N, C-alpha and C. Protein backbone atom coordinates (compact mmCIF):
# COMPACT_ATOMS: atom_id res chain seq x y z
N MET A 1 -57.93 -16.75 -7.20
CA MET A 1 -56.85 -15.78 -7.33
C MET A 1 -56.86 -14.81 -6.15
N ARG A 2 -55.72 -14.27 -5.87
CA ARG A 2 -55.57 -13.24 -4.85
C ARG A 2 -55.79 -11.88 -5.52
N ILE A 3 -56.82 -11.17 -5.07
CA ILE A 3 -57.22 -9.93 -5.74
C ILE A 3 -57.22 -8.77 -4.75
N TYR A 4 -56.53 -7.69 -5.13
CA TYR A 4 -56.56 -6.44 -4.36
C TYR A 4 -57.72 -5.61 -4.90
N ILE A 5 -58.63 -5.24 -4.01
CA ILE A 5 -59.81 -4.45 -4.36
C ILE A 5 -59.50 -2.98 -4.10
N GLU A 6 -59.45 -2.22 -5.17
CA GLU A 6 -59.18 -0.77 -5.10
C GLU A 6 -60.50 -0.04 -4.85
N SER A 7 -60.45 1.22 -4.49
CA SER A 7 -61.59 2.01 -4.03
C SER A 7 -62.76 2.10 -4.99
N THR A 8 -62.51 2.09 -6.28
CA THR A 8 -63.61 2.25 -7.23
C THR A 8 -64.56 1.06 -7.21
N ILE A 9 -64.10 -0.10 -6.80
CA ILE A 9 -64.94 -1.29 -6.84
C ILE A 9 -66.11 -1.19 -5.84
N PRO A 10 -65.87 -0.98 -4.55
CA PRO A 10 -67.02 -0.84 -3.64
C PRO A 10 -67.86 0.39 -3.98
N SER A 11 -67.24 1.41 -4.53
CA SER A 11 -67.99 2.60 -4.92
C SER A 11 -69.01 2.27 -6.01
N TYR A 12 -68.59 1.48 -6.99
CA TYR A 12 -69.50 1.10 -8.07
C TYR A 12 -70.54 0.08 -7.61
N VAL A 13 -70.17 -0.77 -6.65
CA VAL A 13 -71.12 -1.79 -6.16
C VAL A 13 -72.34 -1.13 -5.53
N VAL A 14 -72.15 -0.07 -4.77
CA VAL A 14 -73.27 0.54 -4.03
C VAL A 14 -73.78 1.84 -4.63
N ALA A 15 -73.18 2.33 -5.69
CA ALA A 15 -73.55 3.63 -6.25
C ALA A 15 -75.00 3.67 -6.73
N ARG A 16 -75.58 4.85 -6.61
CA ARG A 16 -76.89 5.07 -7.22
C ARG A 16 -76.71 4.98 -8.73
N PRO A 17 -77.71 4.49 -9.45
CA PRO A 17 -77.56 4.36 -10.91
C PRO A 17 -77.19 5.68 -11.58
N ALA A 18 -76.15 5.62 -12.39
CA ALA A 18 -75.67 6.80 -13.09
C ALA A 18 -76.55 7.09 -14.30
N ARG A 19 -76.61 8.35 -14.69
CA ARG A 19 -77.33 8.73 -15.91
C ARG A 19 -76.49 8.47 -17.15
N ASP A 20 -75.20 8.62 -17.00
CA ASP A 20 -74.28 8.35 -18.10
C ASP A 20 -74.30 6.86 -18.41
N LEU A 21 -74.53 6.51 -19.66
CA LEU A 21 -74.68 5.10 -20.03
C LEU A 21 -73.43 4.27 -19.75
N LEU A 22 -72.26 4.80 -20.05
CA LEU A 22 -71.02 4.07 -19.81
C LEU A 22 -70.83 3.83 -18.31
N GLN A 23 -71.06 4.86 -17.53
CA GLN A 23 -70.92 4.74 -16.07
C GLN A 23 -71.93 3.72 -15.52
N ALA A 24 -73.17 3.79 -16.01
CA ALA A 24 -74.20 2.85 -15.56
C ALA A 24 -73.82 1.41 -15.92
N ALA A 25 -73.26 1.23 -17.12
CA ALA A 25 -72.83 -0.12 -17.53
C ALA A 25 -71.70 -0.62 -16.63
N ARG A 26 -70.76 0.24 -16.30
CA ARG A 26 -69.67 -0.15 -15.40
C ARG A 26 -70.19 -0.51 -14.02
N GLN A 27 -71.15 0.24 -13.54
CA GLN A 27 -71.76 -0.08 -12.24
C GLN A 27 -72.40 -1.46 -12.28
N GLN A 28 -73.15 -1.75 -13.33
CA GLN A 28 -73.83 -3.04 -13.43
C GLN A 28 -72.82 -4.18 -13.58
N LEU A 29 -71.79 -3.98 -14.39
CA LEU A 29 -70.75 -5.00 -14.53
C LEU A 29 -70.08 -5.29 -13.19
N THR A 30 -69.84 -4.23 -12.43
CA THR A 30 -69.20 -4.39 -11.12
C THR A 30 -70.11 -5.14 -10.16
N ARG A 31 -71.38 -4.79 -10.13
CA ARG A 31 -72.33 -5.51 -9.27
C ARG A 31 -72.43 -6.97 -9.68
N ASP A 32 -72.47 -7.21 -11.00
CA ASP A 32 -72.54 -8.60 -11.49
C ASP A 32 -71.31 -9.38 -11.05
N TRP A 33 -70.11 -8.79 -11.20
CA TRP A 33 -68.88 -9.46 -10.79
C TRP A 33 -68.92 -9.71 -9.28
N TRP A 34 -69.28 -8.69 -8.52
CA TRP A 34 -69.31 -8.79 -7.06
C TRP A 34 -70.25 -9.90 -6.62
N ASP A 35 -71.41 -9.99 -7.24
CA ASP A 35 -72.41 -10.98 -6.85
C ASP A 35 -72.07 -12.39 -7.31
N SER A 36 -71.45 -12.54 -8.48
CA SER A 36 -71.25 -13.88 -9.04
C SER A 36 -69.82 -14.40 -9.02
N GLN A 37 -68.84 -13.52 -8.85
CA GLN A 37 -67.44 -13.95 -9.00
C GLN A 37 -66.58 -13.79 -7.74
N ARG A 38 -66.89 -12.85 -6.89
CA ARG A 38 -65.97 -12.54 -5.78
C ARG A 38 -65.74 -13.72 -4.86
N GLU A 39 -66.75 -14.56 -4.66
CA GLU A 39 -66.62 -15.70 -3.75
C GLU A 39 -65.63 -16.74 -4.28
N LYS A 40 -65.30 -16.66 -5.55
CA LYS A 40 -64.37 -17.61 -6.16
C LYS A 40 -62.91 -17.21 -5.92
N HIS A 41 -62.70 -16.07 -5.28
CA HIS A 41 -61.35 -15.52 -5.14
C HIS A 41 -61.06 -15.14 -3.70
N GLU A 42 -59.80 -14.88 -3.44
CA GLU A 42 -59.35 -14.41 -2.14
C GLU A 42 -59.15 -12.90 -2.26
N LEU A 43 -60.01 -12.12 -1.62
CA LEU A 43 -59.98 -10.67 -1.76
C LEU A 43 -59.20 -10.01 -0.63
N PHE A 44 -58.56 -8.90 -0.98
CA PHE A 44 -57.81 -8.09 -0.02
C PHE A 44 -58.05 -6.63 -0.35
N THR A 45 -57.90 -5.78 0.65
CA THR A 45 -57.97 -4.35 0.45
C THR A 45 -57.03 -3.70 1.47
N SER A 46 -57.18 -2.41 1.73
CA SER A 46 -56.28 -1.73 2.66
C SER A 46 -56.99 -0.58 3.36
N HIS A 47 -56.33 -0.05 4.39
CA HIS A 47 -56.85 1.13 5.08
C HIS A 47 -56.92 2.33 4.13
N VAL A 48 -56.04 2.35 3.14
CA VAL A 48 -56.06 3.43 2.15
C VAL A 48 -57.41 3.42 1.43
N VAL A 49 -57.87 2.25 1.06
CA VAL A 49 -59.17 2.11 0.41
C VAL A 49 -60.28 2.52 1.38
N LEU A 50 -60.22 2.02 2.60
CA LEU A 50 -61.28 2.35 3.57
C LEU A 50 -61.36 3.85 3.80
N ASP A 51 -60.22 4.52 3.88
CA ASP A 51 -60.20 5.98 4.04
C ASP A 51 -60.85 6.67 2.85
N GLU A 52 -60.54 6.19 1.64
CA GLU A 52 -61.10 6.80 0.43
C GLU A 52 -62.61 6.62 0.34
N ILE A 53 -63.09 5.42 0.62
CA ILE A 53 -64.51 5.14 0.42
C ILE A 53 -65.38 5.67 1.55
N ALA A 54 -64.79 6.08 2.66
CA ALA A 54 -65.56 6.63 3.78
C ALA A 54 -65.99 8.07 3.49
N PHE A 55 -65.31 8.75 2.57
CA PHE A 55 -65.62 10.15 2.25
C PHE A 55 -66.94 10.27 1.51
N GLY A 56 -67.48 11.48 1.53
CA GLY A 56 -68.71 11.74 0.80
C GLY A 56 -69.92 11.63 1.69
N GLU A 57 -71.06 11.44 1.05
CA GLU A 57 -72.32 11.32 1.78
C GLU A 57 -72.21 10.19 2.81
N LYS A 58 -72.56 10.50 4.04
CA LYS A 58 -72.36 9.57 5.14
C LYS A 58 -73.01 8.20 4.90
N ALA A 59 -74.27 8.18 4.47
CA ALA A 59 -74.97 6.92 4.26
C ALA A 59 -74.31 6.08 3.17
N MET A 60 -73.88 6.72 2.10
CA MET A 60 -73.21 6.00 1.01
C MET A 60 -71.84 5.52 1.46
N GLY A 61 -71.14 6.33 2.22
CA GLY A 61 -69.84 5.93 2.76
C GLY A 61 -69.98 4.68 3.63
N GLN A 62 -71.03 4.65 4.43
CA GLN A 62 -71.28 3.48 5.29
C GLN A 62 -71.57 2.24 4.45
N LEU A 63 -72.35 2.39 3.38
CA LEU A 63 -72.63 1.26 2.49
C LEU A 63 -71.35 0.75 1.83
N ARG A 64 -70.50 1.66 1.40
CA ARG A 64 -69.23 1.25 0.78
C ARG A 64 -68.36 0.49 1.79
N LEU A 65 -68.29 1.01 3.00
CA LEU A 65 -67.49 0.34 4.04
C LEU A 65 -68.06 -1.03 4.38
N GLU A 66 -69.37 -1.15 4.45
CA GLU A 66 -70.00 -2.44 4.74
C GLU A 66 -69.69 -3.47 3.65
N THR A 67 -69.56 -3.02 2.43
CA THR A 67 -69.23 -3.91 1.32
C THR A 67 -67.91 -4.64 1.58
N LEU A 68 -66.98 -3.98 2.22
CA LEU A 68 -65.65 -4.55 2.44
C LEU A 68 -65.43 -5.01 3.89
N HIS A 69 -66.49 -5.12 4.67
CA HIS A 69 -66.33 -5.40 6.10
C HIS A 69 -65.57 -6.69 6.39
N ALA A 70 -65.68 -7.70 5.56
CA ALA A 70 -65.02 -8.99 5.83
C ALA A 70 -63.75 -9.20 5.02
N VAL A 71 -63.34 -8.18 4.28
CA VAL A 71 -62.16 -8.32 3.42
C VAL A 71 -60.91 -7.98 4.23
N PRO A 72 -59.92 -8.89 4.26
CA PRO A 72 -58.69 -8.64 5.01
C PRO A 72 -57.95 -7.40 4.50
N LEU A 73 -57.30 -6.71 5.46
CA LEU A 73 -56.58 -5.47 5.14
C LEU A 73 -55.08 -5.72 5.04
N LEU A 74 -54.49 -5.22 3.98
CA LEU A 74 -53.04 -5.25 3.81
C LEU A 74 -52.47 -3.99 4.46
N GLN A 75 -51.35 -4.14 5.15
CA GLN A 75 -50.74 -3.02 5.85
C GLN A 75 -49.73 -2.28 4.97
N VAL A 76 -49.68 -0.97 5.14
CA VAL A 76 -48.70 -0.16 4.42
C VAL A 76 -47.38 -0.24 5.19
N THR A 77 -46.46 -1.02 4.65
CA THR A 77 -45.15 -1.22 5.26
C THR A 77 -44.14 -0.23 4.69
N ASP A 78 -42.92 -0.24 5.21
CA ASP A 78 -41.87 0.61 4.65
C ASP A 78 -41.58 0.24 3.20
N ALA A 79 -41.62 -1.06 2.88
CA ALA A 79 -41.38 -1.50 1.51
C ALA A 79 -42.47 -0.97 0.57
N VAL A 80 -43.72 -0.96 1.05
CA VAL A 80 -44.83 -0.43 0.26
C VAL A 80 -44.65 1.07 0.04
N LYS A 81 -44.29 1.79 1.11
CA LYS A 81 -44.07 3.24 1.00
C LYS A 81 -42.96 3.54 0.01
N ASP A 82 -41.87 2.76 0.08
CA ASP A 82 -40.74 2.97 -0.82
C ASP A 82 -41.14 2.72 -2.28
N LEU A 83 -41.87 1.65 -2.53
CA LEU A 83 -42.30 1.35 -3.89
C LEU A 83 -43.28 2.42 -4.40
N ALA A 84 -44.20 2.85 -3.56
CA ALA A 84 -45.14 3.91 -3.95
C ALA A 84 -44.39 5.19 -4.30
N ARG A 85 -43.36 5.51 -3.53
CA ARG A 85 -42.54 6.69 -3.80
C ARG A 85 -41.85 6.56 -5.15
N LYS A 86 -41.34 5.38 -5.46
CA LYS A 86 -40.69 5.14 -6.75
C LYS A 86 -41.67 5.31 -7.91
N VAL A 87 -42.89 4.80 -7.71
CA VAL A 87 -43.92 4.94 -8.75
C VAL A 87 -44.21 6.43 -8.98
N LEU A 88 -44.34 7.18 -7.90
CA LEU A 88 -44.64 8.61 -8.04
C LEU A 88 -43.50 9.39 -8.67
N THR A 89 -42.28 9.11 -8.24
CA THR A 89 -41.14 9.88 -8.77
C THR A 89 -40.79 9.48 -10.20
N SER A 90 -41.33 8.37 -10.67
CA SER A 90 -41.08 7.94 -12.04
C SER A 90 -41.77 8.84 -13.06
N GLY A 91 -42.80 9.55 -12.62
CA GLY A 91 -43.56 10.40 -13.53
C GLY A 91 -44.66 9.65 -14.26
N LEU A 92 -44.82 8.35 -13.99
CA LEU A 92 -45.89 7.59 -14.65
C LEU A 92 -47.27 8.01 -14.16
N LEU A 93 -47.33 8.50 -12.93
CA LEU A 93 -48.56 9.03 -12.36
C LEU A 93 -48.31 10.48 -11.97
N PRO A 94 -49.36 11.30 -11.92
CA PRO A 94 -49.18 12.66 -11.43
C PRO A 94 -48.69 12.66 -9.98
N ALA A 95 -47.95 13.68 -9.61
CA ALA A 95 -47.38 13.76 -8.26
C ALA A 95 -48.46 13.75 -7.18
N THR A 96 -49.68 14.12 -7.53
CA THR A 96 -50.79 14.15 -6.56
C THR A 96 -51.51 12.81 -6.42
N SER A 97 -51.05 11.79 -7.13
CA SER A 97 -51.72 10.48 -7.13
C SER A 97 -51.08 9.50 -6.16
N ASP A 98 -50.76 9.99 -4.96
CA ASP A 98 -50.07 9.14 -3.99
C ASP A 98 -50.89 7.93 -3.58
N ARG A 99 -52.21 8.06 -3.47
CA ARG A 99 -53.04 6.90 -3.10
C ARG A 99 -53.05 5.86 -4.21
N ASP A 100 -53.11 6.31 -5.46
CA ASP A 100 -53.07 5.38 -6.58
C ASP A 100 -51.74 4.63 -6.60
N ALA A 101 -50.65 5.35 -6.35
CA ALA A 101 -49.34 4.71 -6.29
C ALA A 101 -49.29 3.70 -5.14
N THR A 102 -49.93 4.02 -4.03
CA THR A 102 -49.96 3.11 -2.88
C THR A 102 -50.76 1.85 -3.20
N HIS A 103 -51.87 1.99 -3.92
CA HIS A 103 -52.64 0.80 -4.33
C HIS A 103 -51.75 -0.13 -5.18
N ILE A 104 -51.04 0.45 -6.13
CA ILE A 104 -50.15 -0.34 -6.99
C ILE A 104 -49.06 -1.00 -6.16
N ALA A 105 -48.48 -0.25 -5.24
CA ALA A 105 -47.41 -0.77 -4.39
C ALA A 105 -47.92 -1.88 -3.47
N LEU A 106 -49.08 -1.69 -2.87
CA LEU A 106 -49.65 -2.72 -2.00
C LEU A 106 -49.89 -4.02 -2.76
N ALA A 107 -50.54 -3.90 -3.91
CA ALA A 107 -50.85 -5.09 -4.70
C ALA A 107 -49.58 -5.81 -5.14
N SER A 108 -48.55 -5.06 -5.45
CA SER A 108 -47.27 -5.64 -5.90
C SER A 108 -46.51 -6.26 -4.73
N ALA A 109 -46.37 -5.52 -3.64
CA ALA A 109 -45.58 -5.98 -2.49
C ALA A 109 -46.21 -7.22 -1.84
N TYR A 110 -47.52 -7.33 -1.87
CA TYR A 110 -48.19 -8.47 -1.25
C TYR A 110 -48.50 -9.57 -2.26
N GLU A 111 -47.89 -9.50 -3.42
CA GLU A 111 -47.95 -10.54 -4.45
C GLU A 111 -49.38 -10.89 -4.84
N MET A 112 -50.20 -9.87 -5.02
CA MET A 112 -51.55 -10.10 -5.53
C MET A 112 -51.45 -10.54 -6.99
N GLU A 113 -52.37 -11.35 -7.43
CA GLU A 113 -52.40 -11.76 -8.83
C GLU A 113 -53.14 -10.74 -9.68
N ILE A 114 -54.11 -10.06 -9.06
CA ILE A 114 -54.95 -9.09 -9.75
C ILE A 114 -55.06 -7.83 -8.91
N LEU A 115 -55.01 -6.68 -9.56
CA LEU A 115 -55.40 -5.41 -8.95
C LEU A 115 -56.66 -5.00 -9.70
N LEU A 116 -57.80 -5.02 -9.00
CA LEU A 116 -59.09 -4.76 -9.64
C LEU A 116 -59.48 -3.30 -9.44
N SER A 117 -59.72 -2.60 -10.54
CA SER A 117 -59.97 -1.16 -10.47
C SER A 117 -60.72 -0.67 -11.70
N TRP A 118 -61.49 0.39 -11.50
CA TRP A 118 -62.07 1.14 -12.62
C TRP A 118 -61.34 2.45 -12.82
N ASN A 119 -60.24 2.67 -12.10
CA ASN A 119 -59.47 3.89 -12.28
C ASN A 119 -58.61 3.72 -13.54
N CYS A 120 -59.21 4.04 -14.66
CA CYS A 120 -58.54 3.83 -15.95
C CYS A 120 -57.60 4.98 -16.32
N ARG A 121 -57.57 6.00 -15.51
CA ARG A 121 -56.65 7.10 -15.76
C ARG A 121 -55.26 6.80 -15.19
N HIS A 122 -55.21 6.32 -13.96
CA HIS A 122 -53.91 6.14 -13.30
C HIS A 122 -53.54 4.70 -12.97
N ILE A 123 -54.50 3.77 -12.98
CA ILE A 123 -54.19 2.41 -12.55
C ILE A 123 -54.43 1.41 -13.68
N ALA A 124 -55.67 1.22 -14.08
CA ALA A 124 -56.01 0.26 -15.15
C ALA A 124 -55.83 0.94 -16.50
N ASN A 125 -54.60 1.34 -16.77
CA ASN A 125 -54.29 2.13 -17.96
C ASN A 125 -53.19 1.41 -18.75
N ALA A 126 -53.55 0.84 -19.88
CA ALA A 126 -52.59 0.07 -20.68
C ALA A 126 -51.42 0.92 -21.16
N ALA A 127 -51.62 2.23 -21.29
CA ALA A 127 -50.56 3.10 -21.79
C ALA A 127 -49.37 3.19 -20.83
N ILE A 128 -49.58 2.92 -19.55
CA ILE A 128 -48.47 3.01 -18.58
C ILE A 128 -48.03 1.66 -18.05
N GLN A 129 -48.77 0.60 -18.30
CA GLN A 129 -48.51 -0.66 -17.62
C GLN A 129 -47.17 -1.31 -17.97
N THR A 130 -46.71 -1.20 -19.20
CA THR A 130 -45.42 -1.80 -19.54
C THR A 130 -44.30 -1.12 -18.76
N ARG A 131 -44.31 0.21 -18.72
CA ARG A 131 -43.28 0.95 -17.97
C ARG A 131 -43.44 0.73 -16.47
N LEU A 132 -44.66 0.65 -16.01
CA LEU A 132 -44.92 0.40 -14.60
C LEU A 132 -44.42 -0.99 -14.21
N ARG A 133 -44.65 -1.97 -15.08
CA ARG A 133 -44.18 -3.33 -14.82
C ARG A 133 -42.64 -3.34 -14.68
N ARG A 134 -41.95 -2.65 -15.58
CA ARG A 134 -40.48 -2.59 -15.51
C ARG A 134 -40.01 -1.94 -14.21
N LEU A 135 -40.67 -0.86 -13.84
CA LEU A 135 -40.29 -0.14 -12.62
C LEU A 135 -40.49 -1.02 -11.39
N VAL A 136 -41.63 -1.69 -11.30
CA VAL A 136 -41.94 -2.56 -10.16
C VAL A 136 -40.96 -3.74 -10.11
N GLU A 137 -40.66 -4.32 -11.26
CA GLU A 137 -39.71 -5.44 -11.30
C GLU A 137 -38.31 -4.99 -10.91
N ALA A 138 -37.91 -3.80 -11.33
CA ALA A 138 -36.59 -3.27 -10.94
C ALA A 138 -36.49 -3.07 -9.43
N ALA A 139 -37.62 -2.86 -8.78
CA ALA A 139 -37.66 -2.71 -7.33
C ALA A 139 -37.76 -4.05 -6.61
N GLY A 140 -37.81 -5.15 -7.38
CA GLY A 140 -37.82 -6.47 -6.77
C GLY A 140 -39.19 -7.09 -6.55
N PHE A 141 -40.21 -6.52 -7.17
CA PHE A 141 -41.57 -7.02 -7.02
C PHE A 141 -42.14 -7.39 -8.38
N THR A 142 -43.33 -7.98 -8.36
CA THR A 142 -44.02 -8.31 -9.60
C THR A 142 -45.33 -7.54 -9.64
N LEU A 143 -45.56 -6.83 -10.72
CA LEU A 143 -46.80 -6.09 -10.88
C LEU A 143 -47.92 -7.09 -11.19
N PRO A 144 -49.02 -7.03 -10.44
CA PRO A 144 -50.13 -7.94 -10.75
C PRO A 144 -50.80 -7.54 -12.06
N VAL A 145 -51.62 -8.41 -12.57
CA VAL A 145 -52.46 -8.03 -13.70
C VAL A 145 -53.40 -6.95 -13.18
N ILE A 146 -53.47 -5.86 -13.91
CA ILE A 146 -54.35 -4.76 -13.54
C ILE A 146 -55.51 -4.77 -14.52
N CYS A 147 -56.73 -4.90 -13.98
CA CYS A 147 -57.88 -4.99 -14.87
C CYS A 147 -59.15 -4.50 -14.20
N THR A 148 -60.19 -4.42 -14.99
CA THR A 148 -61.51 -4.03 -14.52
C THR A 148 -62.35 -5.28 -14.27
N PRO A 149 -63.45 -5.15 -13.56
CA PRO A 149 -64.33 -6.32 -13.37
C PRO A 149 -64.80 -6.91 -14.70
N GLU A 150 -65.02 -6.08 -15.69
CA GLU A 150 -65.44 -6.58 -17.00
C GLU A 150 -64.42 -7.55 -17.58
N GLU A 151 -63.15 -7.22 -17.43
CA GLU A 151 -62.08 -8.08 -17.96
C GLU A 151 -61.91 -9.35 -17.14
N LEU A 152 -62.34 -9.32 -15.89
CA LEU A 152 -62.16 -10.47 -14.99
C LEU A 152 -63.38 -11.38 -14.95
N MET A 153 -64.45 -10.95 -15.57
CA MET A 153 -65.69 -11.73 -15.55
C MET A 153 -65.50 -13.04 -16.31
N GLU A 154 -65.82 -14.14 -15.65
CA GLU A 154 -65.75 -15.44 -16.31
C GLU A 154 -66.96 -15.63 -17.19
N SER A 155 -66.77 -16.21 -18.35
CA SER A 155 -67.89 -16.46 -19.23
C SER A 155 -68.31 -17.93 -19.16
N ASP A 156 -69.45 -18.23 -19.71
CA ASP A 156 -69.92 -19.61 -19.76
C ASP A 156 -69.07 -20.46 -20.71
N TYR A 157 -68.26 -19.82 -21.54
CA TYR A 157 -67.48 -20.54 -22.55
C TYR A 157 -66.09 -20.92 -22.07
N GLU A 158 -65.67 -20.40 -20.91
CA GLU A 158 -64.32 -20.70 -20.43
C GLU A 158 -64.24 -22.13 -19.93
N GLN A 159 -63.09 -22.73 -20.15
CA GLN A 159 -62.85 -24.08 -19.67
C GLN A 159 -62.24 -24.03 -18.29
N SER A 160 -62.53 -25.00 -17.48
CA SER A 160 -61.94 -25.07 -16.15
C SER A 160 -60.52 -25.57 -16.24
N ASP A 161 -59.68 -25.06 -15.33
CA ASP A 161 -58.28 -25.50 -15.27
C ASP A 161 -58.17 -26.73 -14.40
């Protein structure tokens, strides 16, 4: 599958173990997916992601960037900017969530099958996805499946297609 990797994924892959049990579990699930599943897919990211993950402690920022060093970058085109603007003006995301809107727009405009994220507030949020899907389709694009690594993890029980 063609998968757009959002900023939270490389952040969780290299993060120091969290004290919060839920956060620690998400980190481990992400590392497990990254180690065992990513090679089965065609991954993409963007300069928006690289800009986000470069912030913070310099050494950790470098580790996050190294995680995505071989992942092709999608460009922010006028169509992507227009779709991101529509997502923001729809009120489905806060007006300050321009990067989140851009991730959604990039994944949609470049026909990704999956947008992989742990941002459950603004991106991997079932409460907004139906309305977001309608908005993206009205703009002439298809919203990819938005999910977390946990939801994308293949199990030993799945049948091959």
